[in-house]
Amino acid sequence: MAQQQSPPDPAAAFRELVSQWEKGINEFASRTMNSDEFSQAMNKATTASTTMQQQLGELIGRYLMTLNLPSRSEMVNIAERLQAIETSLHRVSSQLDRLAGSSADGGPAAGPPRTKRPPSAREGGGSP
């Protein structure tokens, strides 16, 4: 019996092409990234980016100052101070409530009000 040859697989050819392409790119990238020139270029790019971010922050700060608006750090500071004030007010309010409750009866604060009535008081004074 004769062997039947399978038709060529275009997907296999494409996978082989992609595999060779990836291998070439990886080799090129490895050689490039291991060079001193690449390290120096990356260092310069990082330094330039950091410098630009700092300058932009200063520029925005001056712009906000010109518009008489607070910066982010000033808003954070204001929020922290406001939180401290609210905490102090809550503490003072709690102490005042405690003092008001104890001075109203001349002793410690009373328990909850008594709302349950005896059966005779609910029915108009008569017995069941």
N, C-alpha and C. Protein backbone atom coordinates (compact mmCIF):
# COMPACT_ATOMS: atom_id res chain seq x y z
N MET A 1 0.82 -1.16 0.00
CA MET A 1 0.00 0.00 0.00
C MET A 1 0.88 1.23 0.00
N ALA A 2 0.43 2.25 -0.67
CA ALA A 2 1.20 3.48 -0.78
C ALA A 2 0.86 4.39 0.40
N GLN A 3 1.89 5.06 0.88
CA GLN A 3 1.67 6.00 1.98
C GLN A 3 1.06 7.27 1.44
N GLN A 4 0.10 7.76 2.17
CA GLN A 4 -0.52 9.02 1.77
C GLN A 4 0.19 10.15 2.50
N GLN A 5 0.61 11.12 1.75
CA GLN A 5 1.23 12.28 2.36
C GLN A 5 0.15 13.28 2.75
N SER A 6 0.31 13.84 3.95
CA SER A 6 -0.66 14.83 4.39
C SER A 6 -0.33 16.15 3.70
N PRO A 7 -1.35 16.96 3.45
CA PRO A 7 -1.09 18.24 2.80
C PRO A 7 -0.29 19.14 3.75
N PRO A 8 0.51 20.06 3.20
CA PRO A 8 1.30 20.94 4.07
C PRO A 8 0.37 21.76 4.97
N ASP A 9 0.82 21.91 6.22
CA ASP A 9 0.02 22.65 7.22
C ASP A 9 0.48 24.10 7.24
N PRO A 10 -0.35 25.06 6.78
CA PRO A 10 0.06 26.46 6.79
C PRO A 10 0.22 26.99 8.23
N ALA A 11 -0.52 26.47 9.16
CA ALA A 11 -0.40 26.94 10.55
C ALA A 11 0.96 26.54 11.12
N ALA A 12 1.45 25.36 10.77
CA ALA A 12 2.75 24.92 11.27
C ALA A 12 3.85 25.81 10.70
N ALA A 13 3.74 26.18 9.45
CA ALA A 13 4.73 27.07 8.83
C ALA A 13 4.70 28.44 9.52
N PHE A 14 3.51 28.91 9.81
CA PHE A 14 3.38 30.20 10.49
C PHE A 14 3.97 30.13 11.90
N ARG A 15 3.69 29.04 12.64
CA ARG A 15 4.25 28.89 13.98
C ARG A 15 5.78 28.87 13.94
N GLU A 16 6.33 28.19 12.94
CA GLU A 16 7.79 28.15 12.80
C GLU A 16 8.34 29.54 12.50
N LEU A 17 7.66 30.29 11.65
CA LEU A 17 8.09 31.65 11.32
C LEU A 17 8.06 32.54 12.57
N VAL A 18 6.98 32.45 13.34
CA VAL A 18 6.87 33.24 14.56
C VAL A 18 7.93 32.83 15.56
N SER A 19 8.19 31.55 15.68
CA SER A 19 9.21 31.06 16.61
C SER A 19 10.59 31.61 16.25
N GLN A 20 10.94 31.58 14.97
CA GLN A 20 12.23 32.12 14.52
C GLN A 20 12.30 33.63 14.76
N TRP A 21 11.20 34.31 14.50
CA TRP A 21 11.15 35.76 14.69
C TRP A 21 11.35 36.10 16.17
N GLU A 22 10.67 35.37 17.07
CA GLU A 22 10.81 35.62 18.51
C GLU A 22 12.24 35.35 18.96
N LYS A 23 12.84 34.28 18.46
CA LYS A 23 14.21 33.95 18.84
C LYS A 23 15.16 35.06 18.41
N GLY A 24 14.99 35.58 17.20
CA GLY A 24 15.84 36.67 16.72
C GLY A 24 15.67 37.94 17.54
N ILE A 25 14.42 38.28 17.85
CA ILE A 25 14.14 39.47 18.65
C ILE A 25 14.75 39.32 20.05
N ASN A 26 14.59 38.16 20.66
CA ASN A 26 15.15 37.92 21.99
C ASN A 26 16.67 38.05 22.00
N GLU A 27 17.32 37.51 20.99
CA GLU A 27 18.78 37.63 20.93
C GLU A 27 19.21 39.09 20.77
N PHE A 28 18.52 39.81 19.88
CA PHE A 28 18.84 41.22 19.67
C PHE A 28 18.62 42.03 20.94
N ALA A 29 17.48 41.78 21.62
CA ALA A 29 17.17 42.52 22.85
C ALA A 29 18.19 42.21 23.94
N SER A 30 18.59 40.97 24.06
CA SER A 30 19.58 40.60 25.08
C SER A 30 20.91 41.30 24.82
N ARG A 31 21.36 41.29 23.57
CA ARG A 31 22.62 41.97 23.25
C ARG A 31 22.51 43.47 23.53
N THR A 32 21.37 44.05 23.15
CA THR A 32 21.19 45.49 23.32
C THR A 32 21.12 45.88 24.79
N MET A 33 20.35 45.14 25.57
CA MET A 33 20.16 45.49 26.97
C MET A 33 21.40 45.23 27.82
N ASN A 34 22.28 44.38 27.38
CA ASN A 34 23.50 44.11 28.14
C ASN A 34 24.61 45.11 27.83
N SER A 35 24.37 46.03 26.92
CA SER A 35 25.41 46.98 26.56
C SER A 35 25.42 48.17 27.52
N ASP A 36 26.59 48.80 27.64
CA ASP A 36 26.72 49.98 28.48
C ASP A 36 25.94 51.16 27.91
N GLU A 37 25.88 51.27 26.60
CA GLU A 37 25.16 52.37 25.97
C GLU A 37 23.68 52.33 26.35
N PHE A 38 23.10 51.13 26.36
CA PHE A 38 21.69 51.00 26.71
C PHE A 38 21.47 51.41 28.17
N SER A 39 22.35 50.98 29.06
CA SER A 39 22.23 51.34 30.48
C SER A 39 22.31 52.86 30.66
N GLN A 40 23.25 53.48 29.97
CA GLN A 40 23.39 54.93 30.07
C GLN A 40 22.16 55.65 29.52
N ALA A 41 21.64 55.16 28.40
CA ALA A 41 20.46 55.78 27.80
C ALA A 41 19.25 55.64 28.73
N MET A 42 19.07 54.48 29.34
CA MET A 42 17.95 54.28 30.28
C MET A 42 18.10 55.17 31.51
N ASN A 43 19.34 55.31 31.99
CA ASN A 43 19.59 56.17 33.14
C ASN A 43 19.25 57.62 32.80
N LYS A 44 19.66 58.08 31.62
CA LYS A 44 19.35 59.45 31.20
C LYS A 44 17.85 59.65 31.03
N ALA A 45 17.16 58.65 30.46
CA ALA A 45 15.72 58.76 30.26
C ALA A 45 14.99 58.82 31.61
N THR A 46 15.42 58.01 32.56
CA THR A 46 14.80 58.02 33.89
C THR A 46 15.04 59.35 34.59
N THR A 47 16.25 59.86 34.50
CA THR A 47 16.58 61.15 35.11
C THR A 47 15.76 62.27 34.48
N ALA A 48 15.64 62.25 33.17
CA ALA A 48 14.87 63.28 32.47
C ALA A 48 13.39 63.21 32.88
N SER A 49 12.86 62.01 32.99
CA SER A 49 11.45 61.85 33.38
C SER A 49 11.22 62.37 34.79
N THR A 50 12.10 62.03 35.72
CA THR A 50 11.98 62.50 37.10
C THR A 50 12.07 64.02 37.17
N THR A 51 13.01 64.59 36.43
CA THR A 51 13.17 66.05 36.42
C THR A 51 11.92 66.73 35.86
N MET A 52 11.37 66.17 34.80
CA MET A 52 10.16 66.75 34.20
C MET A 52 8.99 66.68 35.17
N GLN A 53 8.86 65.57 35.90
CA GLN A 53 7.77 65.45 36.87
C GLN A 53 7.91 66.50 37.98
N GLN A 54 9.13 66.70 38.46
CA GLN A 54 9.35 67.70 39.50
C GLN A 54 9.03 69.10 38.99
N GLN A 55 9.49 69.42 37.80
CA GLN A 55 9.24 70.74 37.23
C GLN A 55 7.75 70.95 36.99
N LEU A 56 7.06 69.92 36.53
CA LEU A 56 5.62 70.04 36.30
C LEU A 56 4.89 70.26 37.63
N GLY A 57 5.30 69.56 38.67
CA GLY A 57 4.70 69.76 39.99
C GLY A 57 4.89 71.17 40.49
N GLU A 58 6.10 71.71 40.32
CA GLU A 58 6.37 73.09 40.73
C GLU A 58 5.55 74.08 39.90
N LEU A 59 5.45 73.83 38.60
CA LEU A 59 4.68 74.70 37.72
C LEU A 59 3.20 74.71 38.11
N ILE A 60 2.65 73.54 38.38
CA ILE A 60 1.25 73.46 38.79
C ILE A 60 1.05 74.16 40.12
N GLY A 61 2.01 73.99 41.05
CA GLY A 61 1.93 74.68 42.34
C GLY A 61 1.91 76.18 42.19
N ARG A 62 2.78 76.71 41.33
CA ARG A 62 2.80 78.17 41.10
C ARG A 62 1.50 78.63 40.43
N TYR A 63 0.98 77.82 39.51
CA TYR A 63 -0.26 78.16 38.83
C TYR A 63 -1.42 78.21 39.82
N LEU A 64 -1.50 77.22 40.70
CA LEU A 64 -2.56 77.21 41.71
C LEU A 64 -2.42 78.39 42.66
N MET A 65 -1.18 78.73 43.00
CA MET A 65 -0.95 79.87 43.88
C MET A 65 -1.41 81.16 43.20
N THR A 66 -1.15 81.26 41.90
CA THR A 66 -1.58 82.44 41.15
C THR A 66 -3.10 82.55 41.15
N LEU A 67 -3.77 81.42 41.04
CA LEU A 67 -5.24 81.41 41.05
C LEU A 67 -5.80 81.48 42.47
N ASN A 68 -4.92 81.52 43.46
CA ASN A 68 -5.32 81.55 44.86
C ASN A 68 -6.10 80.30 45.25
N LEU A 69 -5.64 79.15 44.74
CA LEU A 69 -6.24 77.85 45.06
C LEU A 69 -5.23 77.01 45.83
N PRO A 70 -5.70 76.15 46.74
CA PRO A 70 -4.76 75.32 47.50
C PRO A 70 -4.23 74.16 46.66
N SER A 71 -3.02 73.75 46.98
CA SER A 71 -2.44 72.59 46.31
C SER A 71 -2.93 71.32 46.98
N ARG A 72 -2.58 70.17 46.43
CA ARG A 72 -3.02 68.89 47.00
C ARG A 72 -2.47 68.72 48.41
N SER A 73 -1.22 69.03 48.63
CA SER A 73 -0.63 68.87 49.96
C SER A 73 -1.30 69.80 50.96
N GLU A 74 -1.66 71.00 50.54
CA GLU A 74 -2.37 71.92 51.44
C GLU A 74 -3.76 71.39 51.78
N MET A 75 -4.44 70.79 50.80
CA MET A 75 -5.75 70.21 51.05
C MET A 75 -5.66 69.02 52.01
N VAL A 76 -4.63 68.21 51.87
CA VAL A 76 -4.43 67.08 52.79
C VAL A 76 -4.19 67.61 54.20
N ASN A 77 -3.38 68.66 54.32
CA ASN A 77 -3.11 69.27 55.62
C ASN A 77 -4.40 69.82 56.24
N ILE A 78 -5.21 70.48 55.44
CA ILE A 78 -6.48 71.02 55.93
C ILE A 78 -7.39 69.89 56.40
N ALA A 79 -7.46 68.82 55.62
CA ALA A 79 -8.32 67.68 55.98
C ALA A 79 -7.87 67.05 57.30
N GLU A 80 -6.55 66.92 57.50
CA GLU A 80 -6.04 66.34 58.75
C GLU A 80 -6.38 67.24 59.93
N ARG A 81 -6.21 68.54 59.76
CA ARG A 81 -6.53 69.48 60.84
C ARG A 81 -8.02 69.47 61.15
N LEU A 82 -8.85 69.40 60.11
CA LEU A 82 -10.30 69.35 60.31
C LEU A 82 -10.70 68.07 61.05
N GLN A 83 -10.08 66.95 60.72
CA GLN A 83 -10.37 65.69 61.41
C GLN A 83 -10.00 65.80 62.89
N ALA A 84 -8.87 66.43 63.20
CA ALA A 84 -8.46 66.61 64.60
C ALA A 84 -9.46 67.49 65.34
N ILE A 85 -9.95 68.54 64.69
CA ILE A 85 -10.94 69.43 65.31
C ILE A 85 -12.24 68.67 65.57
N GLU A 86 -12.67 67.88 64.60
CA GLU A 86 -13.91 67.12 64.77
C GLU A 86 -13.78 66.11 65.91
N THR A 87 -12.63 65.48 66.03
CA THR A 87 -12.40 64.53 67.12
C THR A 87 -12.47 65.25 68.46
N SER A 88 -11.85 66.40 68.56
CA SER A 88 -11.88 67.17 69.81
C SER A 88 -13.31 67.61 70.14
N LEU A 89 -14.05 68.08 69.15
CA LEU A 89 -15.44 68.48 69.38
C LEU A 89 -16.30 67.31 69.86
N HIS A 90 -16.08 66.16 69.27
CA HIS A 90 -16.84 64.97 69.69
C HIS A 90 -16.52 64.63 71.14
N ARG A 91 -15.26 64.70 71.51
CA ARG A 91 -14.85 64.42 72.89
C ARG A 91 -15.49 65.42 73.85
N VAL A 92 -15.45 66.71 73.52
CA VAL A 92 -16.03 67.74 74.38
C VAL A 92 -17.54 67.54 74.47
N SER A 93 -18.19 67.25 73.35
CA SER A 93 -19.63 67.03 73.34
C SER A 93 -20.02 65.84 74.22
N SER A 94 -19.25 64.77 74.16
CA SER A 94 -19.53 63.60 74.99
C SER A 94 -19.40 63.94 76.47
N GLN A 95 -18.36 64.69 76.80
CA GLN A 95 -18.17 65.08 78.20
C GLN A 95 -19.30 66.00 78.67
N LEU A 96 -19.73 66.93 77.84
CA LEU A 96 -20.84 67.82 78.21
C LEU A 96 -22.14 67.03 78.39
N ASP A 97 -22.39 66.08 77.52
CA ASP A 97 -23.59 65.26 77.65
C ASP A 97 -23.56 64.47 78.96
N ARG A 98 -22.40 63.94 79.30
CA ARG A 98 -22.27 63.20 80.55
C ARG A 98 -22.48 64.11 81.75
N LEU A 99 -21.89 65.31 81.71
CA LEU A 99 -22.05 66.26 82.81
C LEU A 99 -23.49 66.74 82.92
N ALA A 100 -24.14 66.99 81.81
CA ALA A 100 -25.53 67.46 81.82
C ALA A 100 -26.45 66.38 82.38
N GLY A 101 -26.20 65.13 82.06
CA GLY A 101 -27.02 64.03 82.56
C GLY A 101 -26.85 63.84 84.05
N SER A 102 -25.64 63.98 84.57
CA SER A 102 -25.41 63.76 85.99
C SER A 102 -25.87 64.96 86.83
N SER A 103 -25.83 66.17 86.28
CA SER A 103 -26.23 67.34 87.07
C SER A 103 -27.74 67.53 87.07
N ALA A 104 -28.47 66.93 86.13
CA ALA A 104 -29.92 67.08 86.07
C ALA A 104 -30.59 66.43 87.27
N ASP A 105 -30.11 65.25 87.72
CA ASP A 105 -30.72 64.59 88.87
C ASP A 105 -29.89 64.79 90.13
N GLY A 106 -28.80 65.42 90.01
CA GLY A 106 -27.94 65.60 91.16
C GLY A 106 -27.12 64.34 91.44
N GLY A 107 -27.19 63.37 90.60
CA GLY A 107 -26.43 62.13 90.76
C GLY A 107 -26.08 61.57 89.41
N PRO A 108 -25.79 60.31 89.37
CA PRO A 108 -25.43 59.70 88.08
C PRO A 108 -26.62 59.72 87.12
N ALA A 109 -26.35 59.60 85.85
CA ALA A 109 -27.39 59.66 84.84
C ALA A 109 -28.41 58.56 85.07
N ALA A 110 -29.69 58.90 84.92
CA ALA A 110 -30.76 57.94 85.15
C ALA A 110 -30.81 56.93 84.01
N GLY A 111 -31.50 55.81 84.29
CA GLY A 111 -31.64 54.78 83.27
C GLY A 111 -32.69 55.21 82.26
N PRO A 112 -33.10 54.30 81.41
CA PRO A 112 -34.10 54.65 80.39
C PRO A 112 -35.44 54.96 81.05
N PRO A 113 -36.28 55.76 80.42
CA PRO A 113 -37.58 56.11 81.02
C PRO A 113 -38.46 54.87 81.14
N ARG A 114 -39.25 54.87 82.15
CA ARG A 114 -40.14 53.74 82.38
C ARG A 114 -41.43 53.98 81.61
N THR A 115 -41.71 53.13 80.63
CA THR A 115 -42.89 53.33 79.77
C THR A 115 -43.96 52.29 80.03
N LYS A 116 -43.63 51.23 80.70
CA LYS A 116 -44.62 50.18 80.95
C LYS A 116 -45.45 50.56 82.18
N ARG A 117 -46.74 50.55 82.06
CA ARG A 117 -47.65 50.91 83.14
C ARG A 117 -48.28 49.64 83.74
N PRO A 118 -48.62 49.72 84.99
CA PRO A 118 -49.32 48.57 85.58
C PRO A 118 -50.70 48.39 84.91
N PRO A 119 -51.25 47.20 84.94
CA PRO A 119 -52.53 46.95 84.25
C PRO A 119 -53.65 47.85 84.75
N SER A 120 -53.69 48.21 86.00
CA SER A 120 -54.77 49.05 86.50
C SER A 120 -54.72 50.46 85.90
N ALA A 121 -53.54 50.97 85.63
CA ALA A 121 -53.40 52.30 85.07
C ALA A 121 -53.77 52.33 83.60
N ARG A 122 -53.58 51.22 82.90
CA ARG A 122 -53.89 51.18 81.47
C ARG A 122 -55.39 51.10 81.20
N GLU A 123 -56.12 50.47 82.08
CA GLU A 123 -57.54 50.23 81.81
C GLU A 123 -58.43 51.28 82.47
N GLY A 124 -57.85 52.28 82.94
CA GLY A 124 -58.65 53.34 83.54
C GLY A 124 -58.89 53.15 85.01
N GLY A 125 -58.08 52.40 85.66
CA GLY A 125 -58.17 52.27 87.11
C GLY A 125 -58.94 51.06 87.56
N GLY A 126 -59.67 50.39 86.70
CA GLY A 126 -60.44 49.22 87.09
C GLY A 126 -59.62 47.96 87.08
N SER A 127 -60.12 46.92 87.72
CA SER A 127 -59.41 45.66 87.71
C SER A 127 -59.94 44.77 86.60
N PRO A 128 -59.16 43.81 86.12
CA PRO A 128 -59.58 42.99 84.99
C PRO A 128 -60.69 42.07 85.26
